[in-house]
């Protein structure tokens, strides 16, 4: 199974200079927003592509969670989002495993194999399962308006991230961020603290090679 501990452990504060195939990269931690989860079921996906995406099998307690992005820049290239993190608690993870949907298993994966979500629009996100339900019932006109709001909000943000509220009455929202090299399939991982409690949900955008 593919897992890059160097990237995942950036969420523990290891944001020093790191070597990449494009040169030395300094990592910066940025708060992208606060995600409201009413069901405790989290979805990570391309916020425009969306094929009735399912939530990950492990739930969190309903509540509001900080979302951070880790942005890196080498001398001759633009900034890239290295990873995106939904922080469940502030305890450092001591164990990582791949986040999968119900019924999926990583047993038998080769060293370079993984499950992840597909990105075609240069964007990833975290959302509550209930938000996907709202998006699924939107008309074509409403979806066009939603897509424009997403693209405009990200474009206006210097860190290429945005907090999009889809239900004003409840505050349910989507936290959106640029996805590393824009297109591809990217894995997400659970991070567990020393008490075996879920502390992180982290997407690796594979900017830094293993």
Protein backbone atom coordinates (compact mmCIF):
# COMPACT_ATOMS: atom_id res chain seq x y z
CA UNK A 1 0.00 0.00 0.00
CA UNK A 2 1.27 3.45 -0.92
CA UNK A 3 1.80 5.72 2.09
CA UNK A 4 4.17 8.69 2.29
CA UNK A 5 4.89 9.29 5.98
CA UNK A 6 6.99 12.36 5.21
CA UNK A 7 3.90 14.11 3.85
CA UNK A 8 1.49 12.87 6.50
CA UNK A 9 3.80 13.84 9.35
CA UNK A 10 3.89 17.41 8.07
CA UNK A 11 0.61 17.74 10.01
CA UNK A 12 2.61 17.16 13.21
CA UNK A 13 4.46 20.41 12.59
CA UNK A 14 7.30 19.07 10.46
CA UNK A 15 7.18 22.00 8.03
CA UNK A 16 10.92 22.51 7.61
CA UNK A 17 12.57 22.63 4.22
CA UNK A 18 12.23 19.35 2.36
CA UNK A 19 13.80 18.00 -0.82
CA UNK A 20 11.64 17.41 -3.89
CA UNK A 21 12.40 16.51 -7.50
CA UNK A 22 12.11 20.25 -8.27
CA UNK A 23 14.42 21.43 -5.50
CA UNK A 24 14.18 22.47 -1.86
CA UNK A 25 10.63 23.26 -0.71
CA UNK A 26 9.48 25.26 2.30
CA UNK A 27 6.09 24.11 3.63
CA UNK A 28 3.58 26.61 5.02
CA UNK A 29 0.53 25.66 7.10
CA UNK A 30 -2.62 27.66 6.26
CA UNK A 31 -6.09 27.49 7.81
CA UNK A 32 -8.51 26.95 4.91
CA UNK A 33 -11.69 27.16 7.00
CA UNK A 34 -13.87 25.38 9.53
CA UNK A 35 -16.01 22.48 8.32
CA UNK A 36 -19.39 21.85 9.89
CA UNK A 37 -20.34 18.19 10.08
CA UNK A 38 -23.89 17.33 11.12
CA UNK A 39 -23.71 13.59 10.40
CA UNK A 40 -20.09 12.81 11.27
CA UNK A 41 -19.72 11.25 7.81
CA UNK A 42 -16.95 12.95 5.83
CA UNK A 43 -16.50 13.01 2.06
CA UNK A 44 -13.31 14.04 0.26
CA UNK A 45 -13.72 14.66 -3.46
CA UNK A 46 -13.40 17.00 -6.43
CA UNK A 47 -16.08 19.60 -5.53
CA UNK A 48 -17.18 19.95 -9.17
CA UNK A 49 -16.73 16.46 -10.60
CA UNK A 50 -18.74 14.62 -7.90
CA UNK A 51 -20.27 11.27 -8.90
CA UNK A 52 -22.62 10.75 -5.92
CA UNK A 53 -19.52 10.27 -3.79
CA UNK A 54 -19.75 8.27 -0.58
CA UNK A 55 -18.41 9.12 2.85
CA UNK A 56 -15.44 7.34 4.40
CA UNK A 57 -16.26 4.34 6.53
CA UNK A 58 -15.06 5.85 9.80
CA UNK A 59 -17.23 8.56 11.33
CA UNK A 60 -16.30 11.55 13.46
CA UNK A 61 -18.38 13.17 16.18
CA UNK A 62 -20.74 15.78 14.66
CA UNK A 63 -19.27 19.23 15.18
CA UNK A 64 -17.03 21.86 13.59
CA UNK A 65 -13.49 21.01 12.57
CA UNK A 66 -10.52 23.05 11.37
CA UNK A 67 -9.25 22.35 7.87
CA UNK A 68 -5.62 23.13 7.09
CA UNK A 69 -3.71 23.05 3.85
CA UNK A 70 0.05 22.64 3.59
CA UNK A 71 1.44 24.70 0.75
CA UNK A 72 4.95 24.36 -0.62
CA UNK A 73 7.02 26.40 -3.04
CA UNK A 74 10.30 25.72 -4.78
CA UNK A 75 12.38 28.47 -6.33
CA UNK A 76 11.27 28.09 -9.95
CA UNK A 77 7.70 26.85 -9.56
CA UNK A 78 4.40 28.26 -8.30
CA UNK A 79 2.95 27.28 -4.92
CA UNK A 80 1.50 23.78 -4.70
CA UNK A 81 -0.88 22.31 -2.13
CA UNK A 82 1.07 19.37 -0.73
CA UNK A 83 -1.66 18.08 1.60
CA UNK A 84 -5.06 18.95 3.05
CA UNK A 85 -6.02 18.06 6.62
CA UNK A 86 -9.27 17.79 8.54
CA UNK A 87 -8.18 18.02 12.17
CA UNK A 88 -10.28 15.96 14.57
CA UNK A 89 -8.13 16.62 17.63
CA UNK A 90 -4.75 18.21 18.33
CA UNK A 91 -2.97 15.04 19.41
CA UNK A 92 -0.15 13.98 17.05
CA UNK A 93 -0.91 10.80 15.09
CA UNK A 94 1.26 7.80 15.85
CA UNK A 95 -0.39 5.49 13.31
CA UNK A 96 -1.67 6.05 9.78
CA UNK A 97 -3.91 3.95 7.56
CA UNK A 98 -5.68 4.51 4.25
CA UNK A 99 -9.17 6.01 4.47
CA UNK A 100 -11.56 3.80 2.53
CA UNK A 101 -15.26 3.61 1.77
CA UNK A 102 -17.50 1.01 3.36
CA UNK A 103 -16.74 -2.41 1.91
CA UNK A 104 -13.30 -1.48 0.56
CA UNK A 105 -10.09 -3.08 1.77
CA UNK A 106 -6.40 -2.33 1.32
CA UNK A 107 -5.42 -5.95 1.93
CA UNK A 108 -3.27 -7.24 -0.89
CA UNK A 109 -2.26 -3.79 -2.18
CA UNK A 110 1.22 -3.62 -3.69
CA UNK A 111 3.68 -1.09 -2.28
CA UNK A 112 2.73 1.55 -4.85
CA UNK A 113 -1.06 0.90 -4.93
CA UNK A 114 -3.75 2.99 -3.28
CA UNK A 115 -7.40 4.01 -3.40
CA UNK A 116 -8.22 7.68 -3.81
CA UNK A 117 -10.56 10.22 -5.33
CA UNK A 118 -10.29 11.52 -8.87
CA UNK A 119 -9.66 15.20 -9.57
CA UNK A 120 -10.32 16.79 -12.97
CA UNK A 121 -10.80 20.44 -11.99
CA UNK A 122 -7.65 21.15 -9.99
CA UNK A 123 -9.64 21.20 -6.74
CA UNK A 124 -10.29 18.92 -3.79
CA UNK A 125 -12.53 19.40 -0.76
CA UNK A 126 -13.92 18.09 2.49
CA UNK A 127 -17.68 18.06 3.06
CA UNK A 128 -20.28 16.44 5.28
CA UNK A 129 -22.38 13.69 3.70
CA UNK A 130 -25.51 15.83 4.15
CA UNK A 131 -24.00 18.48 1.86
CA UNK A 132 -23.67 15.95 -0.94
CA UNK A 133 -27.38 15.31 -0.46
CA UNK A 134 -28.06 19.01 -1.04
CA UNK A 135 -25.90 19.12 -4.16
CA UNK A 136 -27.55 16.00 -5.55
CA UNK A 137 -30.96 17.72 -5.54
CA UNK A 138 -29.83 20.96 -7.19
CA UNK A 139 -31.19 21.88 -10.59
CA UNK A 140 -28.82 22.36 -13.53
CA UNK A 141 -29.09 26.13 -13.09
CA UNK A 142 -28.33 25.89 -9.38
CA UNK A 143 -25.33 23.63 -10.06
CA UNK A 144 -23.99 26.11 -12.63
CA UNK A 145 -24.29 28.88 -10.05
CA UNK A 146 -22.59 26.69 -7.44
CA UNK A 147 -19.73 25.82 -9.78
CA UNK A 148 -19.16 29.48 -10.64
CA UNK A 149 -19.14 30.42 -6.95
CA UNK A 150 -16.51 27.75 -6.30
CA UNK A 151 -14.22 28.83 -9.13
CA UNK A 152 -14.60 32.54 -8.32
CA UNK A 153 -13.95 32.08 -4.60
CA UNK A 154 -10.81 29.99 -5.16
CA UNK A 155 -9.52 32.38 -7.82
CA UNK A 156 -9.88 35.36 -5.46
CA UNK A 157 -8.06 33.64 -2.60
CA UNK A 158 -4.27 33.96 -2.73
CA UNK A 159 -3.92 30.49 -1.19
CA UNK A 160 -6.42 28.92 -3.65
CA UNK A 161 -8.86 27.76 -0.99
CA UNK A 162 -12.43 28.70 -0.11
CA UNK A 163 -15.27 28.14 2.35
CA UNK A 164 -18.51 27.67 0.39
CA UNK A 165 -21.73 27.70 2.42
CA UNK A 166 -24.42 25.63 0.68
CA UNK A 167 -27.15 25.96 3.32
CA UNK A 168 -27.40 29.36 4.99
CA UNK A 169 -30.01 28.17 7.50
CA UNK A 170 -27.74 25.52 9.02
CA UNK A 171 -24.29 26.79 8.03
CA UNK A 172 -23.44 23.55 6.24
CA UNK A 173 -20.45 24.15 4.02
CA UNK A 174 -17.63 22.81 1.88
CA UNK A 175 -13.95 23.61 2.41
CA UNK A 176 -12.24 23.67 -0.99
CA UNK A 177 -8.54 23.81 -1.89
CA UNK A 178 -6.23 23.44 -4.87
CA UNK A 179 -5.08 19.88 -5.52
CA UNK A 180 -1.33 19.84 -5.93
CA UNK A 181 -0.55 19.09 -9.57
CA UNK A 182 -4.20 19.81 -10.47
CA UNK A 183 -5.37 16.54 -12.02
CA UNK A 184 -4.98 12.97 -10.85
CA UNK A 185 -6.16 10.48 -8.26
CA UNK A 186 -5.15 11.21 -4.68
CA UNK A 187 -5.22 9.07 -1.51
CA UNK A 188 -6.57 10.09 1.89
CA UNK A 189 -5.44 8.67 5.23
CA UNK A 190 -6.64 8.36 8.82
CA UNK A 191 -4.21 9.43 11.53
CA UNK A 192 -4.68 7.94 15.01
CA UNK A 193 -3.26 9.30 18.27
CA UNK A 194 -1.66 7.27 21.08
CA UNK A 195 -5.12 6.64 22.56
CA UNK A 196 -6.22 5.05 19.25
CA UNK A 197 -8.55 7.98 18.63
CA UNK A 198 -8.94 9.46 15.15
CA UNK A 199 -6.96 12.71 15.09
CA UNK A 200 -6.54 13.55 11.38
CA UNK A 201 -7.98 12.95 7.94
CA UNK A 202 -5.30 13.90 5.41
CA UNK A 203 -5.23 13.90 1.60
CA UNK A 204 -1.78 13.56 0.03
CA UNK A 205 -1.66 15.41 -3.31
CA UNK A 206 1.58 13.60 -4.17
CA UNK A 207 3.62 16.74 -4.80
CA UNK A 208 6.44 15.29 -2.73
CA UNK A 209 7.58 11.90 -3.95
CA UNK A 210 7.94 9.00 -1.55
